[in-house]
Amino acid sequence: MATISAAQVRALRDRTDLPMMECKQALTECNGDEAAAIEWLRKKHKGKMEERADRQTGEGRIHVYIDDARKTGAIIDLRCETAPVAKNAEFLALADAIARTVAAQADQAPDPQAVLKAAAVTAPGRTLEDLLTEVYGKIRENMKLTACRKVAGGYLCGYVHHDGKKGVLIALDAAPSDEAVAVDLCHHVTFAQPLAVTRDQIPADRLEIVRRTAREVAESEGKPAQIIDKIVQGKVNAFCAENALMDQEHVKPDYEKKKVGDVLKGAGVKAVQDVAYLSIGG
């Protein structure tokens, strides 16, 4: 068996940031071969991760990435077991690597588990699963990529709440004349959580529930048959105004109760091309 020097152990620790004793064990098992030792550690930690797979991941981080041109980006939901780990630098770096890789994918709504098999754009020759396994080796908590979305458009803006528990990524058809309008739009969506961008995009089954309920209430109250249809349509219009982004009243008081669509139009934005909202814990 090869003799493992202190210098070899330190060198492996510098590369992996793992405990000295663990690095020495890996080098011993691999007869001093550093590359083999790194692979040995990955397999070991992957096995440990699988043992902990049933541990609850109720904490985590929503992370948003937008490229320099503001044309392409991604939003992801990366979970962990405890709140302190959600703020850990290694965990945040992993979230960023995943988001950048999602943004480079062709699929706008890729399967999270398939994404982990993809080559990491931040680490040539390694997959996201490799990176996740390495981070597990350092923080020893179960981690899961729960959701991810790629967003592309004329101009991207995004926001993650200060606690990291909710965030949004939005594509506009053009850059607003005032960047504050884009920032405020992100805040609005995070607070209001609209069902759709425009009223014609609201799911038909949701509107049918509104219609049916409004009709049943009107009939039970003995409303005249000739006005029931008007009552039903009024309820539908009110529901759309509350749940379609462009029809919603902007939550920022600075806009003096203007509709979101009117605020954007005033800033030179004609359309919201895409909205991706993610949250942890509702």
C-alpha atoms as a PDB file:
ATOM      1  CA  MET A   1       0.000   0.000   0.000  1.00  0.00           C
ATOM      2  CA  ALA A   2       1.340   3.427  -0.946  1.00  0.00           C
ATOM      3  CA  THR A   3       2.495   5.803   1.772  1.00  0.00           C
ATOM      4  CA  ILE A   4       0.294   8.915   1.863  1.00  0.00           C
ATOM      5  CA  SER A   5       2.138  12.118   2.696  1.00  0.00           C
ATOM      6  CA  ALA A   6       0.699  15.099   4.535  1.00  0.00           C
ATOM      7  CA  ALA A   7       1.295  17.199   1.401  1.00  0.00           C
ATOM      8  CA  GLN A   8      -0.915  14.865  -0.660  1.00  0.00           C
ATOM      9  CA  VAL A   9      -3.685  15.072   1.923  1.00  0.00           C
ATOM     10  CA  ARG A  10      -3.478  18.875   2.024  1.00  0.00           C
ATOM     11  CA  ALA A  11      -3.558  19.068  -1.778  1.00  0.00           C
ATOM     12  CA  LEU A  12      -6.710  16.928  -1.934  1.00  0.00           C
ATOM     13  CA  ARG A  13      -8.300  18.954   0.827  1.00  0.00           C
ATOM     14  CA  ASP A  14      -7.563  22.163  -1.092  1.00  0.00           C
ATOM     15  CA  ARG A  15      -9.291  20.701  -4.159  1.00  0.00           C
ATOM     16  CA  THR A  16     -12.334  19.287  -2.365  1.00  0.00           C
ATOM     17  CA  ASP A  17     -12.633  21.370   0.840  1.00  0.00           C
ATOM     18  CA  LEU A  18     -13.393  18.125   2.692  1.00  0.00           C
ATOM     19  CA  PRO A  19     -12.030  17.113   6.130  1.00  0.00           C
ATOM     20  CA  MET A  20      -8.376  16.029   6.283  1.00  0.00           C
ATOM     21  CA  MET A  21      -9.187  12.560   7.638  1.00  0.00           C
ATOM     22  CA  GLU A  22     -11.686  11.939   4.850  1.00  0.00           C
ATOM     23  CA  CYS A  23      -9.127  13.030   2.248  1.00  0.00           C
ATOM     24  CA  LYS A  24      -6.513  10.742   3.775  1.00  0.00           C
ATOM     25  CA  GLN A  25      -8.949   7.814   3.731  1.00  0.00           C
ATOM     26  CA  ALA A  26      -9.728   8.409   0.053  1.00  0.00           C
ATOM     27  CA  LEU A  27      -6.048   8.602  -0.906  1.00  0.00           C
ATOM     28  CA  THR A  28      -5.316   5.468   1.100  1.00  0.00           C
ATOM     29  CA  GLU A  29      -8.108   3.556  -0.608  1.00  0.00           C
ATOM     30  CA  CYS A  30      -6.819   4.683  -4.017  1.00  0.00           C
ATOM     31  CA  ASN A  31      -3.072   4.174  -3.390  1.00  0.00           C
ATOM     32  CA  GLY A  32      -2.313   7.884  -3.564  1.00  0.00           C
ATOM     33  CA  ASP A  33      -4.029   8.495  -6.932  1.00  0.00           C
ATOM     34  CA  GLU A  34      -5.661  11.918  -6.481  1.00  0.00           C
ATOM     35  CA  ALA A  35      -8.052  11.638  -9.447  1.00  0.00           C
ATOM     36  CA  ALA A  36      -9.206   8.219  -8.294  1.00  0.00           C
ATOM     37  CA  ALA A  37      -9.576   9.543  -4.741  1.00  0.00           C
ATOM     38  CA  ILE A  38     -11.874  12.332  -5.939  1.00  0.00           C
ATOM     39  CA  GLU A  39     -14.043   9.801  -7.788  1.00  0.00           C
ATOM     40  CA  TRP A  40     -14.039   7.575  -4.683  1.00  0.00           C
ATOM     41  CA  LEU A  41     -15.283  10.498  -2.599  1.00  0.00           C
ATOM     42  CA  ARG A  42     -18.042  11.288  -5.117  1.00  0.00           C
ATOM     43  CA  LYS A  43     -19.315   7.730  -5.027  1.00  0.00           C
ATOM     44  CA  LYS A  44     -19.131   7.637  -1.249  1.00  0.00           C
ATOM     45  CA  HIS A  45     -21.093  10.872  -0.859  1.00  0.00           C
ATOM     46  CA  LYS A  46     -23.641   9.879  -3.483  1.00  0.00           C
ATOM     47  CA  GLY A  47     -24.305   6.730  -1.510  1.00  0.00           C
ATOM     48  CA  LYS A  48     -24.717   8.736   1.679  1.00  0.00           C
ATOM     49  CA  MET A  49     -27.103  11.086  -0.125  1.00  0.00           C
ATOM     50  CA  GLU A  50     -29.234   8.169  -1.240  1.00  0.00           C
ATOM     51  CA  GLU A  51     -29.398   6.955   2.369  1.00  0.00           C
ATOM     52  CA  ARG A  52     -30.765  10.365   3.388  1.00  0.00           C
ATOM     53  CA  ALA A  53     -33.141  10.701   0.434  1.00  0.00           C
ATOM     54  CA  ASP A  54     -36.206  10.350   2.651  1.00  0.00           C
ATOM     55  CA  ARG A  55     -35.187  13.271   4.879  1.00  0.00           C
ATOM     56  CA  GLN A  56     -37.542  16.240   4.653  1.00  0.00           C
ATOM     57  CA  THR A  57     -36.339  19.201   2.560  1.00  0.00           C
ATOM     58  CA  GLY A  58     -38.606  21.919   3.889  1.00  0.00           C
ATOM     59  CA  GLU A  59     -36.057  24.715   3.516  1.00  0.00           C
ATOM     60  CA  GLY A  60     -34.234  25.989   0.464  1.00  0.00           C
ATOM     61  CA  ARG A  61     -33.711  28.849  -1.928  1.00  0.00           C
ATOM     62  CA  ILE A  62     -35.369  30.310  -4.987  1.00  0.00           C
ATOM     63  CA  HIS A  63     -32.593  31.470  -7.298  1.00  0.00           C
ATOM     64  CA  VAL A  64     -32.841  33.641 -10.423  1.00  0.00           C
ATOM     65  CA  TYR A  65     -30.207  33.958 -13.144  1.00  0.00           C
ATOM     66  CA  ILE A  66     -30.368  36.465 -16.037  1.00  0.00           C
ATOM     67  CA  ASP A  67     -27.699  36.704 -18.733  1.00  0.00           C
ATOM     68  CA  ASP A  68     -25.877  39.965 -19.443  1.00  0.00           C
ATOM     69  CA  ALA A  69     -28.033  40.708 -22.495  1.00  0.00           C
ATOM     70  CA  ARG A  70     -31.183  40.274 -20.358  1.00  0.00           C
ATOM     71  CA  LYS A  71     -32.632  37.990 -23.028  1.00  0.00           C
ATOM     72  CA  THR A  72     -32.351  34.575 -21.361  1.00  0.00           C
ATOM     73  CA  GLY A  73     -32.539  33.366 -17.802  1.00  0.00           C
ATOM     74  CA  ALA A  74     -33.814  30.754 -15.396  1.00  0.00           C
ATOM     75  CA  ILE A  75     -35.498  30.420 -12.028  1.00  0.00           C
ATOM     76  CA  ILE A  76     -35.051  27.363  -9.814  1.00  0.00           C
ATOM     77  CA  ASP A  77     -36.270  25.947  -6.506  1.00  0.00           C
ATOM     78  CA  LEU A  78     -33.418  24.154  -4.711  1.00  0.00           C
ATOM     79  CA  ARG A  79     -34.342  22.531  -1.393  1.00  0.00           C
ATOM     80  CA  CYS A  80     -32.356  21.535   1.689  1.00  0.00           C
ATOM     81  CA  GLU A  81     -33.120  20.380   5.225  1.00  0.00           C
ATOM     82  CA  THR A  82     -32.343  23.433   7.388  1.00  0.00           C
ATOM     83  CA  ALA A  83     -32.538  27.221   7.136  1.00  0.00           C
ATOM     84  CA  PRO A  84     -28.810  27.880   7.804  1.00  0.00           C
ATOM     85  CA  VAL A  85     -27.795  25.697   4.845  1.00  0.00           C
ATOM     86  CA  ALA A  86     -30.127  27.712   2.575  1.00  0.00           C
ATOM     87  CA  LYS A  87     -27.792  30.662   3.234  1.00  0.00           C
ATOM     88  CA  ASN A  88     -24.567  28.651   2.921  1.00  0.00           C
ATOM     89  CA  ALA A  89     -22.153  29.972   0.266  1.00  0.00           C
ATOM     90  CA  GLU A  90     -21.602  26.500  -1.205  1.00  0.00           C
ATOM     91  CA  PHE A  91     -25.364  25.942  -1.473  1.00  0.00           C
ATOM     92  CA  LEU A  92     -25.884  29.332  -3.136  1.00  0.00           C
ATOM     93  CA  ALA A  93     -23.070  28.656  -5.614  1.00  0.00           C
ATOM     94  CA  LEU A  94     -24.703  25.329  -6.476  1.00  0.00           C
ATOM     95  CA  ALA A  95     -28.052  27.070  -7.035  1.00  0.00           C
ATOM     96  CA  ASP A  96     -26.378  29.542  -9.387  1.00  0.00           C
ATOM     97  CA  ALA A  97     -24.661  26.759 -11.354  1.00  0.00           C
ATOM     98  CA  ILE A  98     -27.980  24.957 -11.749  1.00  0.00           C
ATOM     99  CA  ALA A  99     -29.823  28.104 -12.866  1.00  0.00           C
ATOM    100  CA  ARG A 100     -27.140  28.953 -15.437  1.00  0.00           C
ATOM    101  CA  THR A 101     -27.300  25.420 -16.802  1.00  0.00           C
ATOM    102  CA  VAL A 102     -31.112  25.512 -17.022  1.00  0.00           C
ATOM    103  CA  ALA A 103     -30.863  28.793 -18.946  1.00  0.00           C
ATOM    104  CA  ALA A 104     -28.581  27.071 -21.461  1.00  0.00           C
ATOM    105  CA  GLN A 105     -31.074  24.237 -22.077  1.00  0.00           C
ATOM    106  CA  ALA A 106     -33.480  24.163 -25.025  1.00  0.00           C
ATOM    107  CA  ASP A 107     -36.449  23.042 -22.920  1.00  0.00           C
ATOM    108  CA  GLN A 108     -38.341  25.843 -21.163  1.00  0.00           C
ATOM    109  CA  ALA A 109     -39.744  23.520 -18.504  1.00  0.00           C
ATOM    110  CA  PRO A 110     -37.204  20.700 -18.123  1.00  0.00           C
ATOM    111  CA  ASP A 111     -37.622  17.799 -15.719  1.00  0.00           C
ATOM    112  CA  PRO A 112     -35.575  18.632 -12.589  1.00  0.00           C
ATOM    113  CA  GLN A 113     -34.042  15.162 -12.367  1.00  0.00           C
ATOM    114  CA  ALA A 114     -33.037  15.251 -16.040  1.00  0.00           C
ATOM    115  CA  VAL A 115     -31.415  18.656 -15.488  1.00  0.00           C
ATOM    116  CA  LEU A 116     -29.114  17.202 -12.831  1.00  0.00           C
ATOM    117  CA  LYS A 117     -27.726  14.808 -15.447  1.00  0.00           C
ATOM    118  CA  ALA A 118     -26.773  17.735 -17.698  1.00  0.00           C
ATOM    119  CA  ALA A 119     -23.229  19.041 -18.063  1.00  0.00           C
ATOM    120  CA  ALA A 120     -22.685  22.009 -15.745  1.00  0.00           C
ATOM    121  CA  VAL A 121     -21.942  25.159 -17.738  1.00  0.00           C
ATOM    122  CA  THR A 122     -19.814  26.419 -14.841  1.00  0.00           C
ATOM    123  CA  ALA A 123     -17.676  23.271 -14.588  1.00  0.00           C
ATOM    124  CA  PRO A 124     -16.679  21.691 -17.937  1.00  0.00           C
ATOM    125  CA  GLY A 125     -16.552  17.912 -17.880  1.00  0.00           C
ATOM    126  CA  ARG A 126     -18.789  17.593 -14.823  1.00  0.00           C
ATOM    127  CA  THR A 127     -22.530  17.215 -14.387  1.00  0.00           C
ATOM    128  CA  LEU A 128     -24.765  19.135 -12.022  1.00  0.00           C
ATOM    129  CA  GLU A 129     -25.187  15.883 -10.115  1.00  0.00           C
ATOM    130  CA  ASP A 130     -21.408  15.821  -9.591  1.00  0.00           C
ATOM    131  CA  LEU A 131     -21.530  19.350  -8.180  1.00  0.00           C
ATOM    132  CA  LEU A 132     -24.484  18.517  -5.942  1.00  0.00           C
ATOM    133  CA  THR A 133     -22.691  15.446  -4.618  1.00  0.00           C
ATOM    134  CA  GLU A 134     -19.596  17.504  -3.814  1.00  0.00           C
ATOM    135  CA  VAL A 135     -21.641  20.099  -1.954  1.00  0.00           C
ATOM    136  CA  TYR A 136     -23.322  17.321   0.005  1.00  0.00           C
ATOM    137  CA  GLY A 137     -19.868  16.114   1.042  1.00  0.00           C
ATOM    138  CA  LYS A 138     -19.226  19.514   2.612  1.00  0.00           C
ATOM    139  CA  ILE A 139     -22.565  20.351   4.243  1.00  0.00           C
ATOM    140  CA  ARG A 140     -24.012  16.824   4.781  1.00  0.00           C
ATOM    141  CA  GLU A 141     -27.662  17.692   4.098  1.00  0.00           C
ATOM    142  CA  ASN A 142     -30.152  16.222   1.666  1.00  0.00           C
ATOM    143  CA  MET A 143     -30.724  18.535  -1.313  1.00  0.00           C
ATOM    144  CA  LYS A 144     -33.338  18.370  -4.083  1.00  0.00           C
ATOM    145  CA  LEU A 145     -33.980  20.374  -7.214  1.00  0.00           C
ATOM    146  CA  THR A 146     -37.760  20.687  -6.936  1.00  0.00           C
ATOM    147  CA  ALA A 147     -38.598  22.948  -9.885  1.00  0.00           C
ATOM    148  CA  CYS A 148     -36.895  24.887 -12.674  1.00  0.00           C
ATOM    149  CA  ARG A 149     -37.958  27.088 -15.578  1.00  0.00           C
ATOM    150  CA  LYS A 150     -36.139  28.730 -18.454  1.00  0.00           C
ATOM    151  CA  VAL A 151     -37.434  32.142 -19.563  1.00  0.00           C
ATOM    152  CA  ALA A 152     -36.516  34.036 -22.738  1.00  0.00           C
ATOM    153  CA  GLY A 153     -37.772  37.233 -24.304  1.00  0.00           C
ATOM    154  CA  GLY A 154     -37.070  40.795 -25.311  1.00  0.00           C
ATOM    155  CA  TYR A 155     -36.124  41.978 -21.824  1.00  0.00           C
ATOM    156  CA  LEU A 156     -35.880  39.969 -18.598  1.00  0.00           C
ATOM    157  CA  CYS A 157     -36.370  41.167 -15.049  1.00  0.00           C
ATOM    158  CA  GLY A 158     -36.383  39.119 -11.866  1.00  0.00           C
ATOM    159  CA  TYR A 159     -36.719  39.295  -8.117  1.00  0.00           C
ATOM    160  CA  VAL A 160     -36.081  37.032  -5.128  1.00  0.00           C
ATOM    161  CA  HIS A 161     -37.615  37.982  -1.773  1.00  0.00           C
ATOM    162  CA  HIS A 162     -35.157  38.759   1.019  1.00  0.00           C
ATOM    163  CA  ASP A 163     -35.791  35.419   2.727  1.00  0.00           C
ATOM    164  CA  GLY A 164     -35.145  33.493  -0.498  1.00  0.00           C
ATOM    165  CA  LYS A 165     -38.501  31.715  -0.199  1.00  0.00           C
ATOM    166  CA  LYS A 166     -40.204  33.199  -3.267  1.00  0.00           C
ATOM    167  CA  GLY A 167     -39.138  34.742  -6.532  1.00  0.00           C
ATOM    168  CA  VAL A 168     -40.193  35.611 -10.046  1.00  0.00           C
ATOM    169  CA  LEU A 169     -38.650  35.851 -13.502  1.00  0.00           C
ATOM    170  CA  ILE A 170     -40.493  37.863 -16.150  1.00  0.00           C
ATOM    171  CA  ALA A 171     -39.962  38.408 -19.889  1.00  0.00           C
ATOM    172  CA  LEU A 172     -41.166  41.666 -21.461  1.00  0.00           C
ATOM    173  CA  ASP A 173     -41.304  42.438 -25.166  1.00  0.00           C
ATOM    174  CA  ALA A 174     -39.072  45.488 -24.669  1.00  0.00           C
ATOM    175  CA  ALA A 175     -37.016  47.247 -22.022  1.00  0.00           C
ATOM    176  CA  PRO A 176     -39.158  49.777 -20.113  1.00  0.00           C
ATOM    177  CA  SER A 177     -38.186  53.430 -20.370  1.00  0.00           C
ATOM    178  CA  ASP A 178     -37.771  53.417 -16.589  1.00  0.00           C
ATOM    179  CA  GLU A 179     -36.110  50.333 -15.098  1.00  0.00           C
ATOM    180  CA  ALA A 180     -38.048  50.908 -11.864  1.00  0.00           C
ATOM    181  CA  VAL A 181     -41.196  49.850 -13.717  1.00  0.00           C
ATOM    182  CA  ALA A 182     -39.682  46.382 -14.273  1.00  0.00           C
ATOM    183  CA  VAL A 183     -38.578  46.123 -10.637  1.00  0.00           C
ATOM    184  CA  ASP A 184     -42.028  47.177  -9.437  1.00  0.00           C
ATOM    185  CA  LEU A 185     -43.661  44.651 -11.774  1.00  0.00           C
ATOM    186  CA  CYS A 186     -41.631  41.858 -10.164  1.00  0.00           C
ATOM    187  CA  HIS A 187     -42.713  43.027  -6.711  1.00  0.00           C
ATOM    188  CA  HIS A 188     -46.331  43.161  -7.869  1.00  0.00           C
ATOM    189  CA  VAL A 189     -46.313  39.622  -9.280  1.00  0.00           C
ATOM    190  CA  THR A 190     -44.647  38.249  -6.137  1.00  0.00           C
ATOM    191  CA  PHE A 191     -47.353  39.857  -3.993  1.00  0.00           C
ATOM    192  CA  ALA A 192     -50.432  39.392  -6.226  1.00  0.00           C
ATOM    193  CA  GLN A 193     -49.560  36.018  -7.791  1.00  0.00           C
ATOM    194  CA  PRO A 194     -51.833  36.352 -10.850  1.00  0.00           C
ATOM    195  CA  LEU A 195     -53.299  33.234 -12.475  1.00  0.00           C
ATOM    196  CA  ALA A 196     -52.406  34.425 -15.978  1.00  0.00           C
ATOM    197  CA  VAL A 197     -50.959  37.374 -17.898  1.00  0.00           C
ATOM    198  CA  THR A 198     -54.188  38.232 -19.735  1.00  0.00           C
ATOM    199  CA  ARG A 199     -57.798  37.281 -19.082  1.00  0.00           C
ATOM    200  CA  ASP A 200     -57.990  35.030 -22.142  1.00  0.00           C
ATOM    201  CA  GLN A 201     -55.195  32.909 -20.607  1.00  0.00           C
ATOM    202  CA  ILE A 202     -57.095  32.170 -17.383  1.00  0.00           C
ATOM    203  CA  PRO A 203     -57.963  28.445 -17.322  1.00  0.00           C
ATOM    204  CA  ALA A 204     -61.473  27.819 -18.657  1.00  0.00           C
ATOM    205  CA  ASP A 205     -62.329  25.515 -15.756  1.00  0.00           C
ATOM    206  CA  ARG A 206     -61.658  28.311 -13.261  1.00  0.00           C
ATOM    207  CA  LEU A 207     -63.977  30.667 -15.134  1.00  0.00           C
ATOM    208  CA  GLU A 208     -66.654  27.977 -15.347  1.00  0.00           C
ATOM    209  CA  ILE A 209     -66.590  27.619 -11.555  1.00  0.00           C
ATOM    210  CA  VAL A 210     -67.095  31.390 -11.222  1.00  0.00           C
ATOM    211  CA  ARG A 211     -69.993  31.333 -13.700  1.00  0.00           C
ATOM    212  CA  ARG A 212     -71.713  28.363 -12.087  1.00  0.00           C
ATOM    213  CA  THR A 213     -71.347  29.728  -8.564  1.00  0.00           C
ATOM    214  CA  ALA A 214     -72.590  33.190  -9.562  1.00  0.00           C
ATOM    215  CA  ARG A 215     -75.632  31.719 -11.322  1.00  0.00           C
ATOM    216  CA  GLU A 216     -76.496  29.458  -8.384  1.00  0.00           C
ATOM    217  CA  VAL A 217     -76.267  32.354  -5.916  1.00  0.00           C
ATOM    218  CA  ALA A 218     -78.347  34.661  -8.133  1.00  0.00           C
ATOM    219  CA  GLU A 219     -81.036  32.016  -8.582  1.00  0.00           C
ATOM    220  CA  SER A 220     -81.136  31.210  -4.853  1.00  0.00           C
ATOM    221  CA  GLU A 221     -81.645  34.913  -4.153  1.00  0.00           C
ATOM    222  CA  GLY A 222     -84.611  34.990  -6.523  1.00  0.00           C
ATOM    223  CA  LYS A 223     -83.042  37.406  -9.026  1.00  0.00           C
ATOM    224  CA  PRO A 224     -85.090  37.939 -12.195  1.00  0.00           C
ATOM    225  CA  ALA A 225     -84.093  35.573 -15.018  1.00  0.00           C
ATOM    226  CA  GLN A 226     -83.492  38.460 -17.422  1.00  0.00           C
ATOM    227  CA  ILE A 227     -80.670  39.931 -15.325  1.00  0.00           C
ATOM    228  CA  ILE A 228     -78.975  36.742 -14.125  1.00  0.00           C
ATOM    229  CA  ASP A 229     -76.755  36.581 -17.232  1.00  0.00           C
ATOM    230  CA  LYS A 230     -75.592  40.148 -16.558  1.00  0.00           C
ATOM    231  CA  ILE A 231     -74.835  39.286 -12.947  1.00  0.00           C
ATOM    232  CA  VAL A 232     -72.835  36.230 -14.007  1.00  0.00           C
ATOM    233  CA  GLN A 233     -70.826  38.220 -16.556  1.00  0.00           C
ATOM    234  CA  GLY A 234     -70.135  40.887 -13.956  1.00  0.00           C
ATOM    235  CA  LYS A 235     -68.720  38.277 -11.589  1.00  0.00           C
ATOM    236  CA  VAL A 236     -66.539  36.863 -14.373  1.00  0.00           C
ATOM    237  CA  ASN A 237     -65.241  40.337 -15.241  1.00  0.00           C
ATOM    238  CA  ALA A 238     -64.435  41.017 -11.584  1.00  0.00           C
ATOM    239  CA  PHE A 239     -62.612  37.680 -11.270  1.00  0.00           C
ATOM    240  CA  CYS A 240     -60.511  38.439 -14.350  1.00  0.00           C
ATOM    241  CA  ALA A 241     -59.668  41.910 -13.053  1.00  0.00           C
ATOM    242  CA  GLU A 242     -58.390  40.321  -9.852  1.00  0.00           C
ATOM    243  CA  ASN A 243     -56.467  37.446 -11.441  1.00  0.00           C
ATOM    244  CA  ALA A 244     -55.213  38.543 -14.887  1.00  0.00           C
ATOM    245  CA  LEU A 245     -51.922  40.420 -14.489  1.00  0.00           C
ATOM    246  CA  MET A 246     -52.550  43.081 -17.114  1.00  0.00           C
ATOM    247  CA  ASP A 247     -55.984  43.868 -15.595  1.00  0.00           C
ATOM    248  CA  GLN A 248     -54.848  43.905 -11.970  1.00  0.00           C
ATOM    249  CA  GLU A 249     -54.584  47.169 -10.084  1.00  0.00           C
ATOM    250  CA  HIS A 250     -50.888  47.780  -9.434  1.00  0.00           C
ATOM    251  CA  VAL A 251     -49.979  47.170  -5.797  1.00  0.00           C
ATOM    252  CA  LYS A 252     -47.536  50.093  -5.729  1.00  0.00           C
ATOM    253  CA  PRO A 253     -49.352  53.239  -4.515  1.00  0.00           C
ATOM    254  CA  ASP A 254     -47.049  55.388  -6.694  1.00  0.00           C
ATOM    255  CA  TYR A 255     -49.083  54.351  -9.739  1.00  0.00           C
ATOM    256  CA  GLU A 256     -52.337  55.741  -8.309  1.00  0.00           C
ATOM    257  CA  LYS A 257     -54.420  52.574  -8.781  1.00  0.00           C
ATOM    258  CA  LYS A 258     -53.585  52.195 -12.471  1.00  0.00           C
ATOM    259  CA  LYS A 259     -53.840  48.770 -14.066  1.00  0.00           C
ATOM    260  CA  VAL A 260     -50.556  46.928 -14.544  1.00  0.00           C
ATOM    261  CA  GLY A 261     -51.118  46.935 -18.320  1.00  0.00           C
ATOM    262  CA  ASP A 262     -51.482  50.716 -18.350  1.00  0.00           C
ATOM    263  CA  VAL A 263     -48.347  51.212 -16.252  1.00  0.00           C
ATOM    264  CA  LEU A 264     -46.334  49.044 -18.648  1.00  0.00           C
ATOM    265  CA  LYS A 265     -47.792  50.779 -21.707  1.00  0.00           C
ATOM    266  CA  GLY A 266     -46.734  54.116 -20.271  1.00  0.00           C
ATOM    267  CA  ALA A 267     -43.166  52.791 -20.056  1.00  0.00           C
ATOM    268  CA  GLY A 268     -43.143  51.530 -23.660  1.00  0.00           C
ATOM    269  CA  VAL A 269     -43.898  47.875 -22.905  1.00  0.00           C
ATOM    270  CA  LYS A 270     -46.671  46.338 -25.000  1.00  0.00           C
ATOM    271  CA  ALA A 271     -46.639  42.760 -23.729  1.00  0.00           C
ATOM    272  CA  VAL A 272     -45.532  40.450 -20.935  1.00  0.00           C
ATOM    273  CA  GLN A 273     -44.163  37.446 -22.798  1.00  0.00           C
ATOM    274  CA  ASP A 274     -43.685  35.053 -19.904  1.00  0.00           C
ATOM    275  CA  VAL A 275     -43.959  34.863 -16.119  1.00  0.00           C
ATOM    276  CA  ALA A 276     -42.382  32.186 -13.926  1.00  0.00           C
ATOM    277  CA  TYR A 277     -43.137  32.327 -10.212  1.00  0.00           C
ATOM    278  CA  LEU A 278     -41.791  29.855  -7.634  1.00  0.00           C
ATOM    279  CA  SER A 279     -42.157  29.678  -3.864  1.00  0.00           C
ATOM    280  CA  ILE A 280     -41.139  27.494  -0.949  1.00  0.00           C
ATOM    281  CA  GLY A 281     -43.848  26.708   1.551  1.00  0.00           C
ATOM    282  CA  GLY A 282     -46.776  28.233  -0.342  1.00  0.00           C
END
